[in-house]
Amino acid sequence: MYHETVDKIEALLGEHDVPYTKFEHEPVRTSEEAAQVRPEYTLSQGAKALIIRVKKNGEKYFVQFVVPGDARFDVKKARGVLSTNDIRFASEEEVSEITGGVKPGGVPPFGVLWDLPVYVDHHVLANDELIFNAGDRSVSIALRSEDYERVVAPTVAELV
């Protein structure tokens, strides 16, 4: 039994007639672990989804950043994108609350499911295909980058 987010992603992709491939594998938490169970994909094709807490003008809110699996998230660039210095990674509790129980390592790059603004690094979209954990550490979905961009409509930014 997988997390309900897997079904939500599949339903969203179905609504947009997006072809995709679903993989079931051993549970993984990091991009490096995921690359080992998805040998037909490169680490750079992995879309690493991060939930970030932002505090700006006295207001607190969350956003999602998506970066390539082989890259380090650049906090300075992210601060510039958001025009604030007060950002931090969401805690495990905050991630669970926002996503309805998705565990870190399983968060998909579909912040739209939780009304989060999504920012994707342009390197992620440079790949023909991308792959990501789909709301469960044991399930990955691969799809064309252009389809991801069409469905999620993220803000493209430089984040690495």
N, C-alpha and C. Protein backbone atom coordinates (compact mmCIF):
# COMPACT_ATOMS: atom_id res chain seq x y z
N MET A 1 0.85 -1.19 0.00
CA MET A 1 0.00 0.00 0.00
C MET A 1 0.88 1.24 0.00
N TYR A 2 0.69 2.06 -1.00
CA TYR A 2 1.52 3.26 -1.13
C TYR A 2 0.79 4.49 -0.61
N HIS A 3 1.57 5.55 -0.41
CA HIS A 3 0.99 6.81 0.04
C HIS A 3 0.03 7.33 -1.02
N GLU A 4 -1.06 7.95 -0.59
CA GLU A 4 -2.10 8.45 -1.50
C GLU A 4 -1.57 9.46 -2.52
N THR A 5 -0.45 10.08 -2.23
CA THR A 5 0.13 11.05 -3.16
C THR A 5 0.47 10.41 -4.50
N VAL A 6 0.88 9.14 -4.48
CA VAL A 6 1.18 8.44 -5.74
C VAL A 6 -0.06 8.47 -6.63
N ASP A 7 -1.22 8.13 -6.07
CA ASP A 7 -2.47 8.13 -6.84
C ASP A 7 -2.82 9.54 -7.33
N LYS A 8 -2.57 10.54 -6.49
CA LYS A 8 -2.88 11.92 -6.88
C LYS A 8 -2.03 12.37 -8.06
N ILE A 9 -0.75 11.99 -8.05
CA ILE A 9 0.12 12.34 -9.18
C ILE A 9 -0.34 11.62 -10.44
N GLU A 10 -0.64 10.33 -10.31
CA GLU A 10 -1.10 9.57 -11.48
C GLU A 10 -2.40 10.15 -12.03
N ALA A 11 -3.29 10.57 -11.15
CA ALA A 11 -4.56 11.17 -11.60
C ALA A 11 -4.30 12.49 -12.32
N LEU A 12 -3.41 13.31 -11.77
CA LEU A 12 -3.08 14.60 -12.39
C LEU A 12 -2.45 14.39 -13.76
N LEU A 13 -1.53 13.45 -13.86
CA LEU A 13 -0.91 13.16 -15.15
C LEU A 13 -1.94 12.63 -16.14
N GLY A 14 -2.86 11.80 -15.65
CA GLY A 14 -3.93 11.28 -16.51
C GLY A 14 -4.84 12.38 -17.03
N GLU A 15 -5.17 13.34 -16.18
CA GLU A 15 -6.01 14.47 -16.59
C GLU A 15 -5.38 15.26 -17.74
N HIS A 16 -4.05 15.27 -17.77
CA HIS A 16 -3.32 16.03 -18.80
C HIS A 16 -2.80 15.14 -19.92
N ASP A 17 -3.25 13.87 -19.95
CA ASP A 17 -2.82 12.91 -20.97
C ASP A 17 -1.30 12.81 -21.08
N VAL A 18 -0.64 12.73 -19.96
CA VAL A 18 0.81 12.66 -19.93
C VAL A 18 1.24 11.19 -19.83
N PRO A 19 2.03 10.72 -20.80
CA PRO A 19 2.58 9.37 -20.67
C PRO A 19 3.70 9.37 -19.62
N TYR A 20 3.76 8.32 -18.82
CA TYR A 20 4.78 8.23 -17.78
C TYR A 20 5.07 6.77 -17.50
N THR A 21 6.17 6.53 -16.82
CA THR A 21 6.54 5.18 -16.40
C THR A 21 6.64 5.19 -14.88
N LYS A 22 6.02 4.20 -14.27
CA LYS A 22 6.04 4.08 -12.81
C LYS A 22 6.93 2.90 -12.42
N PHE A 23 7.80 3.11 -11.46
CA PHE A 23 8.72 2.09 -10.98
C PHE A 23 8.47 1.83 -9.50
N GLU A 24 8.49 0.57 -9.12
CA GLU A 24 8.45 0.21 -7.71
C GLU A 24 9.82 -0.35 -7.35
N HIS A 25 10.34 0.02 -6.20
CA HIS A 25 11.70 -0.36 -5.81
C HIS A 25 11.83 -0.34 -4.29
N GLU A 26 13.01 -0.71 -3.84
CA GLU A 26 13.29 -0.65 -2.40
C GLU A 26 13.17 0.80 -1.93
N PRO A 27 12.74 1.03 -0.70
CA PRO A 27 12.64 2.41 -0.20
C PRO A 27 13.99 3.13 -0.25
N VAL A 28 13.95 4.38 -0.72
CA VAL A 28 15.15 5.21 -0.79
C VAL A 28 14.86 6.56 -0.16
N ARG A 29 15.91 7.18 0.34
CA ARG A 29 15.73 8.48 0.98
C ARG A 29 16.51 9.59 0.27
N THR A 30 17.66 9.25 -0.29
CA THR A 30 18.49 10.27 -0.93
C THR A 30 18.51 10.10 -2.44
N SER A 31 18.95 11.13 -3.13
CA SER A 31 19.08 11.07 -4.59
C SER A 31 20.07 9.99 -5.00
N GLU A 32 21.15 9.84 -4.23
CA GLU A 32 22.16 8.83 -4.54
C GLU A 32 21.58 7.42 -4.40
N GLU A 33 20.80 7.18 -3.35
CA GLU A 33 20.15 5.88 -3.18
C GLU A 33 19.17 5.63 -4.32
N ALA A 34 18.42 6.66 -4.68
CA ALA A 34 17.44 6.53 -5.76
C ALA A 34 18.12 6.18 -7.07
N ALA A 35 19.26 6.79 -7.36
CA ALA A 35 19.97 6.51 -8.61
C ALA A 35 20.41 5.05 -8.67
N GLN A 36 20.71 4.45 -7.53
CA GLN A 36 21.13 3.05 -7.51
C GLN A 36 19.99 2.10 -7.87
N VAL A 37 18.75 2.45 -7.53
CA VAL A 37 17.62 1.57 -7.84
C VAL A 37 16.97 1.95 -9.18
N ARG A 38 17.49 3.00 -9.83
CA ARG A 38 16.98 3.43 -11.14
C ARG A 38 18.16 3.54 -12.11
N PRO A 39 18.84 2.40 -12.39
CA PRO A 39 20.08 2.45 -13.17
C PRO A 39 19.93 2.97 -14.60
N GLU A 40 18.74 2.94 -15.14
CA GLU A 40 18.56 3.42 -16.52
C GLU A 40 18.46 4.95 -16.60
N TYR A 41 18.52 5.61 -15.45
CA TYR A 41 18.47 7.07 -15.39
C TYR A 41 19.71 7.60 -14.69
N THR A 42 20.15 8.79 -15.10
CA THR A 42 21.31 9.40 -14.47
C THR A 42 20.88 10.16 -13.22
N LEU A 43 21.84 10.43 -12.36
CA LEU A 43 21.57 11.19 -11.14
C LEU A 43 21.06 12.59 -11.50
N SER A 44 21.57 13.16 -12.59
CA SER A 44 21.14 14.51 -12.98
C SER A 44 19.69 14.54 -13.47
N GLN A 45 19.16 13.38 -13.90
CA GLN A 45 17.75 13.32 -14.31
C GLN A 45 16.82 13.25 -13.10
N GLY A 46 17.36 12.94 -11.96
CA GLY A 46 16.55 12.89 -10.74
C GLY A 46 16.14 14.30 -10.33
N ALA A 47 14.87 14.49 -10.07
CA ALA A 47 14.35 15.79 -9.64
C ALA A 47 14.21 15.76 -8.12
N LYS A 48 15.10 16.48 -7.45
CA LYS A 48 15.11 16.53 -5.99
C LYS A 48 14.17 17.65 -5.55
N ALA A 49 13.14 17.30 -4.80
CA ALA A 49 12.12 18.27 -4.38
C ALA A 49 12.35 18.67 -2.92
N LEU A 50 12.45 19.98 -2.70
CA LEU A 50 12.69 20.52 -1.37
C LEU A 50 11.54 21.44 -0.99
N ILE A 51 11.11 21.36 0.25
CA ILE A 51 10.10 22.30 0.74
C ILE A 51 10.82 23.29 1.66
N ILE A 52 10.62 24.55 1.37
CA ILE A 52 11.34 25.63 2.03
C ILE A 52 10.36 26.55 2.74
N ARG A 53 10.70 26.91 4.00
CA ARG A 53 9.89 27.89 4.72
C ARG A 53 10.47 29.27 4.46
N VAL A 54 9.61 30.19 4.08
CA VAL A 54 10.02 31.56 3.75
C VAL A 54 9.37 32.51 4.74
N LYS A 55 10.15 33.49 5.19
CA LYS A 55 9.59 34.56 6.01
C LYS A 55 9.94 35.86 5.31
N LYS A 56 8.91 36.59 4.92
CA LYS A 56 9.11 37.82 4.16
C LYS A 56 8.03 38.82 4.52
N ASN A 57 8.44 40.04 4.82
CA ASN A 57 7.49 41.10 5.19
C ASN A 57 6.56 40.68 6.32
N GLY A 58 7.11 39.95 7.30
CA GLY A 58 6.33 39.51 8.45
C GLY A 58 5.41 38.34 8.17
N GLU A 59 5.46 37.80 6.97
CA GLU A 59 4.59 36.69 6.59
C GLU A 59 5.42 35.41 6.44
N LYS A 60 4.89 34.28 6.91
CA LYS A 60 5.56 32.99 6.76
C LYS A 60 4.75 32.14 5.78
N TYR A 61 5.45 31.51 4.86
CA TYR A 61 4.80 30.62 3.91
C TYR A 61 5.81 29.61 3.39
N PHE A 62 5.34 28.63 2.65
CA PHE A 62 6.20 27.57 2.13
C PHE A 62 6.19 27.59 0.61
N VAL A 63 7.34 27.20 0.04
CA VAL A 63 7.47 27.05 -1.40
C VAL A 63 8.20 25.73 -1.65
N GLN A 64 8.18 25.31 -2.91
CA GLN A 64 8.93 24.12 -3.27
C GLN A 64 10.00 24.50 -4.29
N PHE A 65 11.22 24.01 -4.05
CA PHE A 65 12.31 24.15 -5.00
C PHE A 65 12.63 22.77 -5.55
N VAL A 66 12.90 22.69 -6.84
CA VAL A 66 13.24 21.43 -7.49
C VAL A 66 14.59 21.61 -8.17
N VAL A 67 15.54 20.76 -7.79
CA VAL A 67 16.90 20.84 -8.32
C VAL A 67 17.33 19.47 -8.83
N PRO A 68 18.36 19.42 -9.70
CA PRO A 68 18.84 18.12 -10.17
C PRO A 68 19.41 17.30 -9.03
N GLY A 69 19.26 15.99 -9.13
CA GLY A 69 19.74 15.10 -8.09
C GLY A 69 21.23 15.13 -7.86
N ASP A 70 21.98 15.57 -8.87
CA ASP A 70 23.44 15.59 -8.74
C ASP A 70 23.98 16.96 -8.32
N ALA A 71 23.10 17.87 -7.96
CA ALA A 71 23.53 19.24 -7.65
C ALA A 71 23.19 19.62 -6.22
N ARG A 72 23.94 20.58 -5.71
CA ARG A 72 23.66 21.13 -4.38
C ARG A 72 22.80 22.37 -4.52
N PHE A 73 21.78 22.43 -3.73
CA PHE A 73 20.89 23.58 -3.66
C PHE A 73 21.70 24.78 -3.16
N ASP A 74 21.61 25.91 -3.85
CA ASP A 74 22.37 27.11 -3.49
C ASP A 74 21.45 28.08 -2.74
N VAL A 75 21.64 28.16 -1.44
CA VAL A 75 20.78 28.99 -0.59
C VAL A 75 20.85 30.46 -1.01
N LYS A 76 22.04 30.94 -1.36
CA LYS A 76 22.17 32.35 -1.76
C LYS A 76 21.34 32.66 -3.00
N LYS A 77 21.38 31.76 -3.98
CA LYS A 77 20.58 31.97 -5.19
C LYS A 77 19.10 31.92 -4.86
N ALA A 78 18.71 31.00 -3.99
CA ALA A 78 17.30 30.89 -3.60
C ALA A 78 16.84 32.16 -2.90
N ARG A 79 17.68 32.70 -2.04
CA ARG A 79 17.33 33.96 -1.37
C ARG A 79 17.10 35.07 -2.39
N GLY A 80 17.94 35.10 -3.42
CA GLY A 80 17.78 36.09 -4.48
C GLY A 80 16.49 35.91 -5.25
N VAL A 81 16.15 34.66 -5.55
CA VAL A 81 14.92 34.37 -6.28
C VAL A 81 13.70 34.84 -5.49
N LEU A 82 13.74 34.66 -4.17
CA LEU A 82 12.61 35.01 -3.32
C LEU A 82 12.70 36.42 -2.74
N SER A 83 13.80 37.09 -2.98
CA SER A 83 14.03 38.45 -2.46
C SER A 83 13.89 38.54 -0.94
N THR A 84 14.45 37.55 -0.26
CA THR A 84 14.48 37.57 1.20
C THR A 84 15.64 36.72 1.68
N ASN A 85 16.19 37.07 2.83
CA ASN A 85 17.27 36.27 3.43
C ASN A 85 16.74 35.23 4.39
N ASP A 86 15.50 35.33 4.79
CA ASP A 86 14.95 34.47 5.84
C ASP A 86 14.26 33.24 5.25
N ILE A 87 15.09 32.25 4.87
CA ILE A 87 14.54 30.99 4.38
C ILE A 87 15.24 29.85 5.11
N ARG A 88 14.55 28.73 5.22
CA ARG A 88 15.14 27.53 5.80
C ARG A 88 14.39 26.32 5.27
N PHE A 89 15.02 25.15 5.37
CA PHE A 89 14.33 23.93 5.00
C PHE A 89 13.17 23.70 5.96
N ALA A 90 12.06 23.22 5.44
CA ALA A 90 10.94 22.85 6.29
C ALA A 90 11.37 21.67 7.16
N SER A 91 10.89 21.64 8.39
CA SER A 91 11.19 20.52 9.28
C SER A 91 10.44 19.29 8.81
N GLU A 92 10.84 18.13 9.32
CA GLU A 92 10.15 16.89 8.97
C GLU A 92 8.67 16.98 9.35
N GLU A 93 8.38 17.58 10.50
CA GLU A 93 6.99 17.76 10.93
C GLU A 93 6.22 18.66 9.97
N GLU A 94 6.85 19.75 9.55
CA GLU A 94 6.19 20.67 8.61
C GLU A 94 5.94 20.00 7.27
N VAL A 95 6.92 19.24 6.79
CA VAL A 95 6.75 18.52 5.52
C VAL A 95 5.58 17.55 5.63
N SER A 96 5.51 16.81 6.72
CA SER A 96 4.42 15.86 6.93
C SER A 96 3.07 16.56 6.97
N GLU A 97 3.01 17.68 7.68
CA GLU A 97 1.76 18.42 7.79
C GLU A 97 1.31 18.97 6.43
N ILE A 98 2.24 19.52 5.67
CA ILE A 98 1.91 20.10 4.36
C ILE A 98 1.46 19.04 3.38
N THR A 99 2.16 17.89 3.38
CA THR A 99 1.94 16.87 2.35
C THR A 99 0.99 15.75 2.76
N GLY A 100 0.46 15.83 3.94
CA GLY A 100 -0.43 14.75 4.38
C GLY A 100 0.32 13.47 4.72
N GLY A 101 1.54 13.63 5.21
CA GLY A 101 2.28 12.47 5.69
C GLY A 101 3.38 11.95 4.80
N VAL A 102 3.71 12.63 3.71
CA VAL A 102 4.83 12.20 2.88
C VAL A 102 6.12 12.39 3.68
N LYS A 103 6.97 11.37 3.64
CA LYS A 103 8.22 11.43 4.39
C LYS A 103 9.32 12.09 3.56
N PRO A 104 10.26 12.77 4.22
CA PRO A 104 11.40 13.31 3.49
C PRO A 104 12.05 12.20 2.66
N GLY A 105 12.45 12.55 1.46
CA GLY A 105 12.98 11.55 0.53
C GLY A 105 11.91 11.05 -0.41
N GLY A 106 10.65 11.22 -0.03
CA GLY A 106 9.55 10.78 -0.88
C GLY A 106 8.80 11.94 -1.51
N VAL A 107 9.14 13.16 -1.13
CA VAL A 107 8.41 14.34 -1.60
C VAL A 107 8.59 14.50 -3.11
N PRO A 108 7.50 14.52 -3.86
CA PRO A 108 7.59 14.68 -5.32
C PRO A 108 7.67 16.16 -5.70
N PRO A 109 8.13 16.45 -6.92
CA PRO A 109 8.23 17.84 -7.38
C PRO A 109 6.88 18.38 -7.86
N PHE A 110 5.83 18.04 -7.15
CA PHE A 110 4.47 18.44 -7.50
C PHE A 110 3.86 19.24 -6.36
N GLY A 111 4.54 20.32 -5.97
CA GLY A 111 4.03 21.19 -4.91
C GLY A 111 2.64 21.72 -5.20
N VAL A 112 2.25 21.70 -6.48
CA VAL A 112 0.91 22.16 -6.86
C VAL A 112 -0.17 21.32 -6.17
N LEU A 113 0.15 20.10 -5.79
CA LEU A 113 -0.83 19.26 -5.08
C LEU A 113 -1.19 19.85 -3.73
N TRP A 114 -0.29 20.67 -3.19
CA TRP A 114 -0.50 21.27 -1.86
C TRP A 114 -0.53 22.79 -1.94
N ASP A 115 -0.82 23.30 -3.11
CA ASP A 115 -0.89 24.76 -3.33
C ASP A 115 0.40 25.49 -2.99
N LEU A 116 1.52 24.83 -3.20
CA LEU A 116 2.82 25.47 -2.99
C LEU A 116 3.31 26.07 -4.30
N PRO A 117 3.84 27.28 -4.28
CA PRO A 117 4.51 27.79 -5.48
C PRO A 117 5.72 26.88 -5.76
N VAL A 118 5.93 26.53 -7.02
CA VAL A 118 7.02 25.64 -7.40
C VAL A 118 8.04 26.41 -8.23
N TYR A 119 9.30 26.32 -7.81
CA TYR A 119 10.43 26.90 -8.54
C TYR A 119 11.33 25.75 -8.96
N VAL A 120 11.63 25.65 -10.24
CA VAL A 120 12.48 24.56 -10.73
C VAL A 120 13.75 25.14 -11.35
N ASP A 121 14.88 24.53 -11.00
CA ASP A 121 16.13 24.95 -11.61
C ASP A 121 16.13 24.56 -13.08
N HIS A 122 16.64 25.45 -13.92
CA HIS A 122 16.61 25.22 -15.36
C HIS A 122 17.36 23.97 -15.78
N HIS A 123 18.32 23.52 -14.99
CA HIS A 123 19.06 22.30 -15.31
C HIS A 123 18.15 21.06 -15.27
N VAL A 124 17.14 21.08 -14.42
CA VAL A 124 16.20 19.95 -14.34
C VAL A 124 15.49 19.79 -15.67
N LEU A 125 15.07 20.90 -16.25
CA LEU A 125 14.30 20.86 -17.49
C LEU A 125 15.17 20.66 -18.72
N ALA A 126 16.50 20.74 -18.57
CA ALA A 126 17.41 20.52 -19.69
C ALA A 126 17.45 19.05 -20.10
N ASN A 127 17.07 18.16 -19.21
CA ASN A 127 17.00 16.73 -19.54
C ASN A 127 15.74 16.45 -20.34
N ASP A 128 15.82 15.50 -21.27
CA ASP A 128 14.62 15.10 -22.01
C ASP A 128 13.58 14.50 -21.07
N GLU A 129 14.08 13.69 -20.13
CA GLU A 129 13.20 13.05 -19.15
C GLU A 129 13.69 13.36 -17.75
N LEU A 130 12.77 13.33 -16.80
CA LEU A 130 13.15 13.42 -15.40
C LEU A 130 12.45 12.32 -14.64
N ILE A 131 13.01 12.00 -13.48
CA ILE A 131 12.46 10.94 -12.64
C ILE A 131 12.49 11.42 -11.20
N PHE A 132 11.52 10.97 -10.42
CA PHE A 132 11.41 11.46 -9.04
C PHE A 132 10.66 10.46 -8.19
N ASN A 133 10.89 10.53 -6.87
CA ASN A 133 10.06 9.77 -5.94
C ASN A 133 8.68 10.40 -5.95
N ALA A 134 7.68 9.55 -5.97
CA ALA A 134 6.31 10.01 -6.25
C ALA A 134 5.42 10.07 -5.02
N GLY A 135 5.97 10.56 -3.90
CA GLY A 135 5.16 10.67 -2.70
C GLY A 135 5.35 9.49 -1.77
N ASP A 136 6.13 8.52 -2.22
CA ASP A 136 6.44 7.32 -1.46
C ASP A 136 7.89 6.97 -1.77
N ARG A 137 8.64 6.61 -0.77
CA ARG A 137 10.05 6.30 -0.99
C ARG A 137 10.27 5.04 -1.82
N SER A 138 9.20 4.29 -2.07
CA SER A 138 9.30 3.04 -2.83
C SER A 138 8.74 3.14 -4.24
N VAL A 139 8.35 4.33 -4.66
CA VAL A 139 7.75 4.51 -5.99
C VAL A 139 8.39 5.71 -6.68
N SER A 140 8.82 5.48 -7.93
CA SER A 140 9.34 6.57 -8.75
C SER A 140 8.51 6.68 -10.02
N ILE A 141 8.44 7.89 -10.55
CA ILE A 141 7.76 8.14 -11.82
C ILE A 141 8.73 8.88 -12.72
N ALA A 142 8.77 8.46 -13.99
CA ALA A 142 9.58 9.13 -15.00
C ALA A 142 8.64 9.69 -16.06
N LEU A 143 8.95 10.88 -16.53
CA LEU A 143 8.16 11.50 -17.60
C LEU A 143 9.02 12.50 -18.36
N ARG A 144 8.51 12.97 -19.48
CA ARG A 144 9.23 13.97 -20.26
C ARG A 144 9.24 15.30 -19.51
N SER A 145 10.36 15.97 -19.56
CA SER A 145 10.49 17.25 -18.86
C SER A 145 9.47 18.27 -19.35
N GLU A 146 9.22 18.28 -20.65
CA GLU A 146 8.26 19.24 -21.20
C GLU A 146 6.85 18.97 -20.67
N ASP A 147 6.52 17.71 -20.43
CA ASP A 147 5.20 17.39 -19.85
C ASP A 147 5.13 17.85 -18.39
N TYR A 148 6.22 17.64 -17.65
CA TYR A 148 6.27 18.11 -16.27
C TYR A 148 6.04 19.62 -16.24
N GLU A 149 6.73 20.32 -17.09
CA GLU A 149 6.63 21.79 -17.11
C GLU A 149 5.21 22.22 -17.48
N ARG A 150 4.59 21.50 -18.39
CA ARG A 150 3.22 21.84 -18.81
C ARG A 150 2.22 21.62 -17.67
N VAL A 151 2.36 20.54 -16.94
CA VAL A 151 1.40 20.20 -15.88
C VAL A 151 1.61 21.06 -14.63
N VAL A 152 2.85 21.24 -14.22
CA VAL A 152 3.14 21.94 -12.96
C VAL A 152 3.23 23.46 -13.16
N ALA A 153 3.65 23.89 -14.34
CA ALA A 153 3.83 25.33 -14.64
C ALA A 153 4.68 26.03 -13.58
N PRO A 154 5.89 25.50 -13.34
CA PRO A 154 6.76 26.09 -12.32
C PRO A 154 7.39 27.39 -12.80
N THR A 155 7.91 28.14 -11.86
CA THR A 155 8.76 29.28 -12.18
C THR A 155 10.16 28.72 -12.38
N VAL A 156 10.75 28.98 -13.53
CA VAL A 156 12.10 28.49 -13.81
C VAL A 156 13.10 29.49 -13.24
N ALA A 157 14.07 28.97 -12.49
CA ALA A 157 15.04 29.84 -11.81
C ALA A 157 16.39 29.16 -11.75
N GLU A 158 17.38 29.90 -11.32
CA GLU A 158 18.71 29.33 -11.09
C GLU A 158 18.84 29.07 -9.60
N LEU A 159 18.91 27.78 -9.24
CA LEU A 159 18.90 27.39 -7.83
C LEU A 159 20.12 26.58 -7.42
N VAL A 160 21.01 26.27 -8.38
CA VAL A 160 22.22 25.49 -8.07
C VAL A 160 23.44 26.23 -8.55
